[in-house]
Amino acid sequence: MKDKKVLYADLSLLVVAFIWGSGFVVTKGALDHMTPLYILFFRFIIASICLTIITFRRLRKAKWLDIKAGLIVGVLMFIGFVTQTVGLQYTTVGIQAFITASNVVMVPFFYWFLTKRRPSSYEFFGAFLCFVGIGILSLDGNLRMGYGEFLTLICAVSFALQIVAVGYFAKNVDSYVLSTIQLYVASVLALVLAVIFEPPIVSIGSNMILPVLYLGVFTTMIAFLTQNIAQKYTSSTHAAIILSLEAVFGSLLGIIILNENLTVKFIIGCVAILISVLASETKFEFLKSKRIRHV
């Protein structure tokens, strides 16, 4: 039964990775019609309201630890999404997807500070190779990082911290309550900053409604609730490597739907990041087992 739960958790996280990958393309389109912070506000408030309908009774019984966890995870999630959404205005879906995936390599190092467990040599190698890949994707001929890529790197750090925080709290809090509170925290932060920094929305058309509905219901409410529940039955690092596949889905959808260019530089950078993820999270055990069977 334990193995089945782990399998179902992993399959659920794979679906989440695809949904998040598609979210890059939907967000890119939504940015043509709406400013970043208002996109995030509508995305989070739609998800919050929908989730409240499901979790209302649980919310009434919320404990202080549930609230504390929701506040921390919510702030980290908001920082990740605001830097990601703003950054997407200045870079492509494919590049952003793979830089975002670098959060997987960062997770063991943040756990190092939390648990005092030193990362392995594979994880150090993965971190080095990952940032080589980010450099290939992000730096121009003058070795300067683009604004969109820089914001996306901050996004990756925030999402790595969020994964660690969810893993830290998940086994001791109500996942439904955690998901709901984190979404309300993010929606409030998005609204406050939108009112301060962005012009008000004068009218709302269908080209704005459909994207925020998809982002709110599927890529936010369903995806994050599934993530928080699934992480009860699998490790944070295991979750991280599966969720990193959103980069593959996102870049493929960007090429297919948005006709983004597939350059040699892009391929080399992406391959470097993917290898770094495999090194960090699997330590190439799948290659070792294959070699042993062959012998």
Foldseek 3Di string as FASTA:
>chain_A
DLVVLLVVLLVLLLVLLLLLLVLLVLLLLLVVPDPQLVLLLLQLVLLLVVLCVVCVVVLVVFDPLLLVLLLLLLVLLLLLRSLLSVLCVFDAQLLLLLLLLLLLLCLVVVVCVVVVDDADPLSVVLNVLLVVLLQLSAQDPVSDGTSSSVSSNSSSVSVSVSLNSLLVCLQPGDLSSSLNSSSVNSSVVSVVVCVVPHDDDPDDDPSNVVSSNSSNHPNRNSSSSSNSVSSNSDPSSSSSLSSSCSSVSNNVCCCVPVVDDDDPSSVSSSVSNNVSSCSRRVVCVVVVVVVVVVD
